Amino acid sequence: MNKLKTIWGNRWVKFGVVSVIYLLWFVVWTGNLWLLLGLVVIYDIYISKTMYRLFWRKHKERKRTNKTYRKTSEWVEAILFATVVATLIRIFVFEMYVIPTPSMEKSMLVGDYLCVSKTAYGPRIPNTPISMPLVHNTMPFSQTKKSFVEWIKWPYHRLKGFGNVKRNDPVVFNFPEGDTVSLAYPSDSYYNALRQYQRRYGDRRGRQMLMDEGIVVRPVDKRENYVKRAVGLPGDTIFIEHSEMWINGQPQADIPGKQYNYTVVTNGTPVNPDVFEDMGVAKDDIHYDAANYAYVELPLTAENARRMRSMGNVTAIIKREGEGADPDIFPQSENYPWNVDNFGPLWIPSKGSTVDLTVENLPLYRRIIETYEGNKLEIKDGRIYINGTPADKYTFAMDYYFMMGDNRHNSLDSRYWGFVPEDHIVGKPSFVWMSLDKDKSFPANIRWNRIFSKVK
């Protein structure tokens, strides 16, 4: 033991061990050669001690002789240490996320606080490394002030994780259409708002009116976080018919808790509110049309729908199904007259795969080519040009995913905005560490049965 203490007491041994750990963790794992500069700092700490002589020695002396300075320094050092550690954990290990909408019910409920693993698929190196610690895209108490600067931008790079996205995994990702945000409609898709304005006021005027209300532009890692289920993987072909999904010609595996909207008609006697509470239907989802004795747009699982059918005062239960073409459904083209319940078939691009490009199928891949993979795309005289060169094929640089919510009729997902690029993937929800029911007051609002439950 004394021999080990003597060896570890050698400054060159300390420098060597710490340098190897630093190289493996921060340089090799991240693949960022700029971080080799950190070896200079390590060398100074253990060998040259230049910063110690210039600053830290005086700092220690003042701490020893000045009580006020010592107390202040201890607080500052503690805060800085905690901030650095918390930031590194948030980037490389896990992050907290709260479910704000019912799109994933009944798998994940509004008010569920999730622990999201960054190591499940590998943590991303931040695109904007200079930012306010522990906040996302805006400064505290502001909806517009950016919490980051873009003087330094790093390209997409994902570190090695424990695995890849698997079919039907719940996944947290950056909102693909969150590159542009309308300040007038911050919680909505800018592109959806733009389509509404253009239908009402015309293409040019509608765009200008929305621009005049103010917009902000965000890099990938500062876009809003969404959580959905990865129903389609790179290379899959998906198809939705009468609200049922098919993947590569096979029915989608059963997802417990999946919901659809129904119209529930009664004989005039309303359903006991305790029944809805027992079924886990939120108060905001209960809409009773007294004139027609019907509950409209009522989200129910298959089990809850069977339960409603067996009730004596229920005379009919009708599952909602979209009809005709929905102009808000991806890819928002007359060539693809789809809706939420009848969609596809749609092939999901994979890295390295090549697709034949035509003017007809371009709406499916245009956003990938232009926005996600950064090319200049034009159509001249009926021909497609990419970066100024005529193109009848395109090879994809990234993998893409198709994400859907379990609450199928109450989810803004890939059916509306298309593919999710691999560089938008944040992590995998691991477990619920807290769950609060918004329809109840404390302490009855705590869902004790969900605390530390695994996300499936």
Protein backbone atom coordinates (compact mmCIF):
# COMPACT_ATOMS: atom_id res chain seq x y z
CA MET A 1 0.00 0.00 0.00
CA ASN A 2 2.80 2.42 0.87
CA LYS A 3 4.45 1.55 -2.44
CA LEU A 4 1.25 2.43 -4.33
CA LYS A 5 0.99 5.74 -2.44
CA THR A 6 4.59 6.54 -3.37
CA ILE A 7 3.94 5.73 -7.04
CA TRP A 8 0.72 7.78 -7.12
CA GLY A 9 2.54 10.64 -5.41
CA ASN A 10 4.71 11.03 -8.51
CA ARG A 11 3.35 13.97 -10.53
CA TRP A 12 4.26 12.32 -13.85
CA VAL A 13 2.27 9.22 -12.94
CA LYS A 14 -0.77 11.37 -12.09
CA PHE A 15 -0.36 13.30 -15.32
CA GLY A 16 -0.12 10.06 -17.34
CA VAL A 17 -3.16 8.37 -15.76
CA VAL A 18 -5.40 11.45 -15.98
CA SER A 19 -4.27 12.09 -19.58
CA VAL A 20 -5.12 8.54 -20.68
CA ILE A 21 -8.59 8.76 -19.08
CA TYR A 22 -9.14 12.17 -20.69
CA LEU A 23 -8.00 10.95 -24.11
CA LEU A 24 -10.26 7.89 -24.04
CA TRP A 25 -13.34 9.70 -22.70
CA PHE A 26 -13.22 13.14 -24.26
CA VAL A 27 -11.10 12.73 -27.41
CA VAL A 28 -11.53 9.17 -28.66
CA TRP A 29 -15.22 8.78 -27.63
CA THR A 30 -16.25 12.21 -28.92
CA GLY A 31 -13.96 12.09 -31.94
CA ASN A 32 -13.19 15.80 -31.49
CA LEU A 33 -9.49 16.53 -31.97
CA TRP A 34 -9.93 20.09 -30.69
CA LEU A 35 -10.28 18.58 -27.22
CA LEU A 36 -6.59 17.60 -27.37
CA LEU A 37 -6.03 21.15 -26.12
CA GLY A 38 -7.27 19.88 -22.77
CA LEU A 39 -3.94 18.05 -22.38
CA VAL A 40 -2.29 21.46 -22.03
CA VAL A 41 -4.53 22.19 -19.04
CA ILE A 42 -3.82 18.78 -17.50
CA TYR A 43 -0.07 19.30 -18.00
CA ASP A 44 -0.27 22.64 -16.25
CA ILE A 45 -2.26 21.20 -13.33
CA TYR A 46 0.18 18.37 -12.60
CA ILE A 47 3.55 19.46 -14.08
CA SER A 48 4.16 23.13 -14.89
CA LYS A 49 1.68 24.68 -12.38
CA THR A 50 1.84 28.02 -14.18
CA MET A 51 -1.79 28.90 -13.41
CA TYR A 52 -1.22 27.95 -9.78
CA ARG A 53 1.66 30.40 -9.46
CA LEU A 54 -0.14 33.18 -11.32
CA PHE A 55 -3.58 32.83 -9.75
CA TRP A 56 -4.44 29.89 -7.50
CA ARG A 57 -1.67 30.55 -4.93
CA LYS A 58 -2.93 34.10 -4.40
CA HIS A 59 -6.50 32.80 -4.37
CA LYS A 60 -5.68 30.26 -1.63
CA GLU A 61 -3.86 32.88 0.40
CA ARG A 62 -6.85 35.26 0.26
CA LYS A 63 -9.18 32.43 1.27
CA ARG A 64 -6.95 31.73 4.28
CA THR A 65 -6.78 35.36 5.47
CA ASN A 66 -10.13 36.84 4.37
CA LYS A 67 -13.28 35.23 5.80
CA THR A 68 -15.73 37.03 3.48
CA TYR A 69 -13.66 36.13 0.42
CA ARG A 70 -13.43 32.52 1.62
CA LYS A 71 -17.17 32.13 2.10
CA THR A 72 -17.96 33.78 -1.25
CA SER A 73 -15.38 31.66 -3.06
CA GLU A 74 -16.71 28.44 -1.56
CA TRP A 75 -20.22 29.25 -2.78
CA VAL A 76 -19.00 30.22 -6.25
CA GLU A 77 -16.83 27.10 -6.52
CA ALA A 78 -19.67 24.85 -5.37
CA ILE A 79 -22.12 26.40 -7.86
CA LEU A 80 -19.62 26.16 -10.72
CA PHE A 81 -18.79 22.55 -9.90
CA ALA A 82 -22.46 21.56 -9.66
CA THR A 83 -23.27 23.36 -12.94
CA VAL A 84 -20.41 21.69 -14.82
CA VAL A 85 -21.28 18.24 -13.49
CA ALA A 86 -25.02 18.69 -14.18
CA THR A 87 -24.29 19.95 -17.71
CA LEU A 88 -22.02 16.99 -18.51
CA ILE A 89 -24.62 14.56 -17.17
CA ARG A 90 -27.34 16.27 -19.22
CA ILE A 91 -25.26 16.06 -22.40
CA PHE A 92 -23.75 12.60 -22.04
CA VAL A 93 -25.87 10.51 -19.64
CA PHE A 94 -29.53 11.47 -19.10
CA GLU A 95 -32.00 14.34 -19.19
CA MET A 96 -35.37 15.00 -17.59
CA TYR A 97 -38.47 15.51 -19.75
CA VAL A 98 -42.13 16.09 -18.87
CA ILE A 99 -45.05 14.87 -21.00
CA PRO A 100 -47.05 18.00 -21.98
CA THR A 101 -49.71 16.51 -24.31
CA PRO A 102 -51.84 13.34 -24.45
CA SER A 103 -50.36 12.08 -27.74
CA MET A 104 -48.75 9.03 -26.07
CA GLU A 105 -51.62 8.01 -23.80
CA LYS A 106 -52.04 5.45 -22.35
CA SER A 107 -48.34 4.54 -22.50
CA MET A 108 -47.24 7.92 -21.16
CA LEU A 109 -49.59 10.34 -19.44
CA VAL A 110 -49.73 14.11 -19.27
CA GLY A 111 -47.76 15.00 -16.16
CA ASP A 112 -45.33 12.09 -16.37
CA TYR A 113 -41.76 13.19 -15.62
CA LEU A 114 -39.36 11.00 -17.57
CA CYS A 115 -35.71 10.15 -17.24
CA VAL A 116 -34.41 10.08 -20.82
CA SER A 117 -31.29 8.00 -21.42
CA LYS A 118 -28.73 9.62 -23.75
CA THR A 119 -26.56 6.49 -23.71
CA ALA A 120 -29.31 4.22 -25.11
CA TYR A 121 -28.64 5.39 -28.68
CA GLY A 122 -25.46 7.35 -27.98
CA PRO A 123 -25.28 11.01 -26.85
CA ARG A 124 -24.94 13.74 -29.47
CA ILE A 125 -22.23 16.34 -29.39
CA PRO A 126 -24.06 19.71 -29.13
CA ASN A 127 -24.45 21.67 -32.36
CA THR A 128 -24.23 24.86 -30.27
CA PRO A 129 -21.61 24.24 -27.56
CA ILE A 130 -21.78 27.79 -26.19
CA SER A 131 -25.11 28.09 -24.40
CA MET A 132 -26.70 28.89 -21.06
CA PRO A 133 -26.35 25.81 -18.82
CA LEU A 134 -29.42 23.78 -17.84
CA VAL A 135 -31.91 25.59 -20.10
CA HIS A 136 -33.07 24.58 -23.55
CA ASN A 137 -33.59 27.24 -26.22
CA THR A 138 -34.69 30.43 -24.47
CA MET A 139 -33.47 32.34 -21.45
CA PRO A 140 -35.48 32.06 -18.21
CA PHE A 141 -38.61 34.29 -18.16
CA SER A 142 -38.37 34.93 -21.91
CA GLN A 143 -40.01 33.37 -24.97
CA THR A 144 -37.72 35.00 -27.52
CA LYS A 145 -34.26 35.61 -26.00
CA LYS A 146 -31.96 32.86 -27.22
CA SER A 147 -30.10 30.86 -24.58
CA PHE A 148 -27.30 30.05 -27.03
CA VAL A 149 -24.93 31.72 -29.44
CA GLU A 150 -23.93 30.44 -32.86
CA TRP A 151 -20.40 31.80 -33.11
CA ILE A 152 -19.23 28.19 -32.94
CA LYS A 153 -21.25 25.46 -34.65
CA TRP A 154 -20.34 21.79 -34.57
CA PRO A 155 -21.59 19.34 -37.20
CA TYR A 156 -23.71 16.35 -36.24
CA HIS A 157 -21.76 13.67 -34.42
CA ARG A 158 -23.19 10.91 -32.24
CA LEU A 159 -21.09 9.01 -29.74
CA LYS A 160 -21.24 5.25 -29.34
CA GLY A 161 -24.28 4.11 -27.37
CA PHE A 162 -25.66 0.86 -26.03
CA GLY A 163 -27.81 0.17 -29.10
CA ASN A 164 -29.88 1.53 -31.97
CA VAL A 165 -33.50 2.61 -32.27
CA LYS A 166 -35.68 -0.50 -32.45
CA ARG A 167 -39.14 -0.76 -33.94
CA ASN A 168 -41.83 0.50 -31.52
CA ASP A 169 -39.28 2.07 -29.15
CA PRO A 170 -40.55 5.25 -27.44
CA VAL A 171 -38.12 7.95 -28.54
CA VAL A 172 -37.46 11.57 -27.56
CA PHE A 173 -36.37 13.69 -30.52
CA ASN A 174 -36.10 17.29 -31.66
CA PHE A 175 -39.19 18.47 -33.56
CA PRO A 176 -38.24 18.25 -37.27
CA GLU A 177 -40.32 21.28 -38.23
CA GLY A 178 -38.92 23.27 -35.29
CA ASP A 179 -36.17 24.88 -37.38
CA THR A 180 -38.46 27.90 -37.77
CA VAL A 181 -40.85 29.06 -35.03
CA SER A 182 -43.60 31.63 -35.37
CA LEU A 183 -43.78 33.89 -32.33
CA ALA A 184 -47.52 34.24 -32.95
CA TYR A 185 -47.96 30.44 -32.69
CA PRO A 186 -44.96 29.18 -30.68
CA SER A 187 -46.53 25.83 -29.81
CA ASP A 188 -47.61 25.07 -33.39
CA SER A 189 -45.62 24.14 -36.46
CA TYR A 190 -44.54 27.23 -38.39
CA TYR A 191 -45.17 25.36 -41.64
CA ASN A 192 -48.69 24.42 -40.59
CA ALA A 193 -49.40 28.05 -39.67
CA LEU A 194 -47.90 29.14 -43.01
CA ARG A 195 -50.21 26.82 -44.96
CA GLN A 196 -53.22 28.21 -43.09
CA TYR A 197 -52.18 31.81 -43.84
CA GLN A 198 -51.50 31.04 -47.49
CA ARG A 199 -54.90 29.38 -47.97
CA ARG A 200 -56.58 32.42 -46.46
CA TYR A 201 -54.51 35.28 -47.90
CA GLY A 202 -52.62 33.80 -50.85
CA ASP A 203 -49.08 32.43 -51.07
CA ARG A 204 -47.09 35.65 -51.08
CA ARG A 205 -49.21 37.78 -48.77
CA GLY A 206 -49.79 34.95 -46.30
CA ARG A 207 -46.05 34.27 -45.95
CA GLN A 208 -45.29 37.97 -45.45
CA MET A 209 -48.02 38.40 -42.84
CA LEU A 210 -46.67 35.49 -40.81
CA MET A 211 -43.11 36.81 -41.14
CA ASP A 212 -44.26 40.24 -39.94
CA GLU A 213 -45.58 38.67 -36.73
CA GLY A 214 -42.05 37.49 -35.97
CA ILE A 215 -40.14 34.25 -36.34
CA VAL A 216 -37.05 32.68 -34.76
CA VAL A 217 -34.70 30.13 -36.29
CA ARG A 218 -33.20 27.31 -34.22
CA PRO A 219 -30.43 24.75 -34.80
CA VAL A 220 -31.24 21.05 -34.45
CA ASP A 221 -30.24 20.63 -30.79
CA LYS A 222 -32.28 23.66 -29.71
CA ARG A 223 -35.56 22.63 -31.28
CA GLU A 224 -38.43 21.54 -29.04
CA ASN A 225 -38.38 17.99 -27.71
CA TYR A 226 -41.13 15.56 -28.73
CA VAL A 227 -41.75 11.98 -27.64
CA LYS A 228 -43.41 9.43 -29.95
CA ARG A 229 -43.03 5.78 -30.89
CA ALA A 230 -40.67 4.73 -33.69
CA VAL A 231 -43.15 2.69 -35.71
CA GLY A 232 -41.06 2.76 -38.89
CA LEU A 233 -37.30 2.22 -39.20
CA PRO A 234 -34.90 3.10 -42.05
CA GLY A 235 -35.71 0.94 -45.09
CA ASP A 236 -39.24 0.03 -43.89
CA THR A 237 -42.36 0.55 -45.96
CA ILE A 238 -45.38 1.60 -43.91
CA PHE A 239 -49.04 1.60 -44.84
CA ILE A 240 -52.10 2.68 -42.82
CA GLU A 241 -55.51 1.40 -43.87
CA HIS A 242 -58.70 2.03 -41.87
CA SER A 243 -56.45 3.30 -39.02
CA GLU A 244 -54.54 0.00 -38.79
CA MET A 245 -50.82 0.04 -39.59
CA TRP A 246 -48.89 -2.39 -41.76
CA ILE A 247 -45.10 -2.55 -41.84
CA ASN A 248 -43.34 -4.30 -44.70
CA GLY A 249 -46.60 -6.06 -45.49
CA GLN A 250 -47.16 -7.31 -41.91
CA PRO A 251 -49.61 -5.98 -39.29
CA GLN A 252 -47.95 -3.80 -36.67
CA ALA A 253 -47.23 -5.59 -33.39
CA ASP A 254 -49.85 -4.86 -30.73
CA ILE A 255 -49.13 -1.81 -28.58
CA PRO A 256 -50.89 -2.00 -25.20
CA GLY A 257 -52.79 1.17 -24.42
CA LYS A 258 -53.11 2.37 -28.03
CA GLN A 259 -56.14 4.68 -28.39
CA TYR A 260 -58.52 5.93 -31.07
CA ASN A 261 -61.32 8.48 -30.93
CA TYR A 262 -64.92 7.28 -30.77
CA THR A 263 -68.41 8.72 -30.77
CA VAL A 264 -70.34 7.11 -27.90
CA VAL A 265 -74.12 7.47 -28.15
CA THR A 266 -76.27 7.01 -25.03
CA ASN A 267 -79.98 6.61 -24.41
CA GLY A 268 -80.03 10.06 -22.82
CA THR A 269 -78.47 9.03 -19.53
CA PRO A 270 -74.88 10.36 -19.25
CA VAL A 271 -72.08 8.06 -18.23
CA ASN A 272 -71.08 8.27 -14.58
CA PRO A 273 -67.94 10.49 -14.31
CA ASP A 274 -66.41 7.89 -11.98
CA VAL A 275 -66.38 5.46 -14.91
CA PHE A 276 -64.25 7.84 -16.99
CA GLU A 277 -61.90 8.41 -14.06
CA ASP A 278 -61.53 4.67 -13.58
CA MET A 279 -60.72 4.28 -17.29
CA GLY A 280 -58.14 7.06 -17.06
CA VAL A 281 -59.96 9.45 -19.44
CA ALA A 282 -58.93 13.04 -18.70
CA LYS A 283 -61.62 15.65 -18.05
CA ASP A 284 -60.40 17.70 -21.02
CA ASP A 285 -61.18 14.73 -23.31
CA ILE A 286 -64.84 14.36 -22.24
CA HIS A 287 -67.12 16.31 -24.61
CA TYR A 288 -70.82 15.55 -24.19
CA ASP A 289 -73.25 16.65 -26.88
CA ALA A 290 -76.47 16.85 -24.87
CA ALA A 291 -78.61 17.51 -27.94
CA ASN A 292 -77.59 14.18 -29.49
CA TYR A 293 -76.96 12.26 -26.25
CA ALA A 294 -73.41 11.54 -27.44
CA TYR A 295 -69.82 11.82 -26.30
CA VAL A 296 -67.77 13.02 -29.25
CA GLU A 297 -64.06 12.50 -29.97
CA LEU A 298 -63.70 10.33 -26.89
CA PRO A 299 -60.25 8.65 -26.78
CA LEU A 300 -60.53 4.98 -25.80
CA THR A 301 -58.29 1.95 -25.75
CA ALA A 302 -59.67 -1.29 -27.22
CA GLU A 303 -60.38 -2.53 -23.68
CA ASN A 304 -62.19 0.67 -22.69
CA ALA A 305 -64.21 0.59 -25.93
CA ARG A 306 -65.39 -2.95 -25.09
CA ARG A 307 -66.26 -1.77 -21.61
CA MET A 308 -68.34 1.12 -22.99
CA ARG A 309 -70.21 -1.23 -25.34
CA SER A 310 -71.28 -3.40 -22.41
CA MET A 311 -72.87 -0.48 -20.52
CA GLY A 312 -76.65 -0.46 -20.42
CA ASN A 313 -77.07 3.22 -21.31
CA VAL A 314 -74.74 3.09 -24.35
CA THR A 315 -76.66 2.49 -27.59
CA ALA A 316 -73.82 2.84 -30.13
CA ILE A 317 -70.08 3.31 -30.29
CA ILE A 318 -68.50 4.42 -33.56
CA LYS A 319 -64.78 4.57 -34.25
CA ARG A 320 -63.67 7.70 -36.05
CA GLU A 321 -62.10 7.33 -39.49
CA GLY A 322 -60.77 10.09 -41.71
CA GLU A 323 -62.24 10.36 -45.19
CA GLY A 324 -60.80 11.85 -48.35
CA ALA A 325 -57.59 13.82 -48.69
CA ASP A 326 -56.38 15.97 -45.78
CA PRO A 327 -54.29 18.91 -47.08
CA ASP A 328 -52.37 19.07 -43.79
CA ILE A 329 -51.13 15.48 -44.06
CA PHE A 330 -47.59 14.80 -45.27
CA PRO A 331 -46.40 15.47 -47.91
CA GLN A 332 -49.12 18.12 -48.43
CA SER A 333 -49.38 17.30 -52.13
CA GLU A 334 -52.28 16.52 -54.45
CA ASN A 335 -50.28 13.53 -55.68
CA TYR A 336 -50.73 11.91 -52.25
CA PRO A 337 -54.39 12.23 -51.11
CA TRP A 338 -53.83 10.71 -47.67
CA ASN A 339 -55.33 11.24 -44.21
CA VAL A 340 -54.47 10.10 -40.66
CA ASP A 341 -56.34 6.80 -41.03
CA ASN A 342 -55.44 5.97 -44.63
CA PHE A 343 -51.82 6.77 -45.35
CA GLY A 344 -49.14 5.43 -47.67
CA PRO A 345 -47.59 3.18 -48.71
CA LEU A 346 -44.48 5.17 -47.83
CA TRP A 347 -40.87 3.99 -47.97
CA ILE A 348 -38.58 5.33 -45.21
CA PRO A 349 -35.11 6.37 -46.45
CA SER A 350 -31.98 4.75 -45.04
CA LYS A 351 -28.39 5.97 -45.09
CA GLY A 352 -26.64 5.10 -48.37
CA SER A 353 -29.83 4.08 -50.20
CA THR A 354 -30.68 5.68 -53.54
CA VAL A 355 -34.10 6.68 -54.84
CA ASP A 356 -35.21 7.61 -58.35
CA LEU A 357 -36.33 11.25 -58.31
CA THR A 358 -39.26 12.54 -60.33
CA VAL A 359 -41.29 15.71 -60.11
CA GLU A 360 -44.19 13.54 -58.90
CA ASN A 361 -42.39 11.89 -55.96
CA LEU A 362 -40.24 14.91 -55.07
CA PRO A 363 -42.70 16.15 -52.37
CA LEU A 364 -41.81 13.04 -50.32
CA TYR A 365 -38.09 13.80 -50.24
CA ARG A 366 -37.76 17.53 -50.86
CA ARG A 367 -37.42 18.53 -47.20
CA ILE A 368 -34.80 15.81 -46.66
CA ILE A 369 -32.73 17.01 -49.60
CA GLU A 370 -33.00 20.74 -48.86
CA THR A 371 -33.35 21.11 -45.10
CA TYR A 372 -32.04 18.00 -43.38
CA GLU A 373 -29.12 17.30 -45.73
CA GLY A 374 -28.39 20.90 -46.77
CA ASN A 375 -28.58 20.84 -50.57
CA LYS A 376 -29.86 23.47 -52.97
CA LEU A 377 -32.79 22.08 -54.96
CA GLU A 378 -34.50 23.67 -57.95
CA ILE A 379 -36.96 22.66 -60.66
CA LYS A 380 -36.32 24.18 -64.11
CA ASP A 381 -38.32 23.28 -67.20
CA GLY A 382 -39.65 20.16 -65.52
CA ARG A 383 -36.17 18.93 -64.49
CA ILE A 384 -34.77 18.58 -60.98
CA TYR A 385 -31.43 20.24 -60.15
CA ILE A 386 -29.48 19.55 -56.96
CA ASN A 387 -26.64 21.99 -56.26
CA GLY A 388 -26.87 23.17 -59.86
CA THR A 389 -26.55 19.70 -61.40
CA PRO A 390 -29.42 17.81 -63.11
CA ALA A 391 -30.52 14.92 -60.88
CA ASP A 392 -32.77 11.93 -61.48
CA LYS A 393 -31.49 10.04 -58.42
CA TYR A 394 -30.60 10.90 -54.85
CA THR A 395 -28.51 9.03 -52.27
CA PHE A 396 -29.43 9.69 -48.65
CA ALA A 397 -26.75 10.75 -46.15
CA MET A 398 -28.69 9.83 -42.99
CA ASP A 399 -31.13 7.29 -41.62
CA TYR A 400 -34.74 8.38 -41.13
CA TYR A 401 -37.60 7.24 -38.89
CA PHE A 402 -41.39 7.41 -38.87
CA MET A 403 -42.80 8.41 -35.47
CA MET A 404 -46.39 8.11 -34.27
CA GLY A 405 -48.22 8.69 -31.01
CA ASP A 406 -50.14 5.89 -29.29
CA ASN A 407 -53.16 8.20 -29.04
CA ARG A 408 -53.66 7.89 -32.79
CA HIS A 409 -56.35 10.54 -33.32
CA ASN A 410 -54.78 13.06 -30.92
CA SER A 411 -51.17 13.09 -32.08
CA LEU A 412 -49.28 15.49 -34.32
CA ASP A 413 -46.65 13.13 -35.65
CA SER A 414 -44.92 11.91 -38.82
CA ARG A 415 -48.28 11.67 -40.58
CA TYR A 416 -48.26 15.47 -40.53
CA TRP A 417 -44.57 16.40 -40.87
CA GLY A 418 -42.89 13.36 -42.35
CA PHE A 419 -39.59 11.76 -41.52
CA VAL A 420 -37.44 12.23 -38.42
CA PRO A 421 -33.70 12.41 -39.28
CA GLU A 422 -31.21 10.47 -37.16
CA ASP A 423 -29.48 13.69 -36.07
CA HIS A 424 -32.73 14.73 -34.34
CA ILE A 425 -32.81 11.68 -32.04
CA VAL A 426 -32.24 12.74 -28.41
CA GLY A 427 -32.64 9.55 -26.39
CA LYS A 428 -34.90 6.85 -25.02
CA PRO A 429 -37.29 7.36 -22.08
CA SER A 430 -36.18 4.91 -19.40
CA PHE A 431 -38.56 5.36 -16.48
CA VAL A 432 -41.10 7.70 -14.89
CA TRP A 433 -39.58 9.33 -11.79
CA MET A 434 -42.66 11.44 -10.95
CA SER A 435 -46.23 11.64 -12.24
CA LEU A 436 -48.81 14.34 -11.47
CA ASP A 437 -52.47 14.29 -12.49
CA LYS A 438 -53.49 17.75 -13.71
CA ASP A 439 -57.15 17.04 -12.90
CA LYS A 440 -56.47 16.69 -9.16
CA SER A 441 -54.96 18.80 -6.39
CA PHE A 442 -52.01 17.93 -4.16
CA PRO A 443 -51.42 15.36 -2.73
CA ALA A 444 -54.15 13.36 -4.54
CA ASN A 445 -52.58 14.36 -7.87
CA ILE A 446 -49.52 12.16 -7.29
CA ARG A 447 -49.83 8.94 -9.29
CA TRP A 448 -47.93 6.71 -6.88
CA ASN A 449 -48.36 3.62 -9.06
CA ARG A 450 -46.38 5.26 -11.90
CA ILE A 451 -43.37 6.45 -9.92
CA PHE A 452 -40.22 4.60 -11.04
CA SER A 453 -42.25 2.56 -13.52
CA LYS A 454 -40.47 1.52 -16.72
CA VAL A 455 -41.50 3.21 -19.96
CA LYS A 456 -42.70 0.65 -22.52
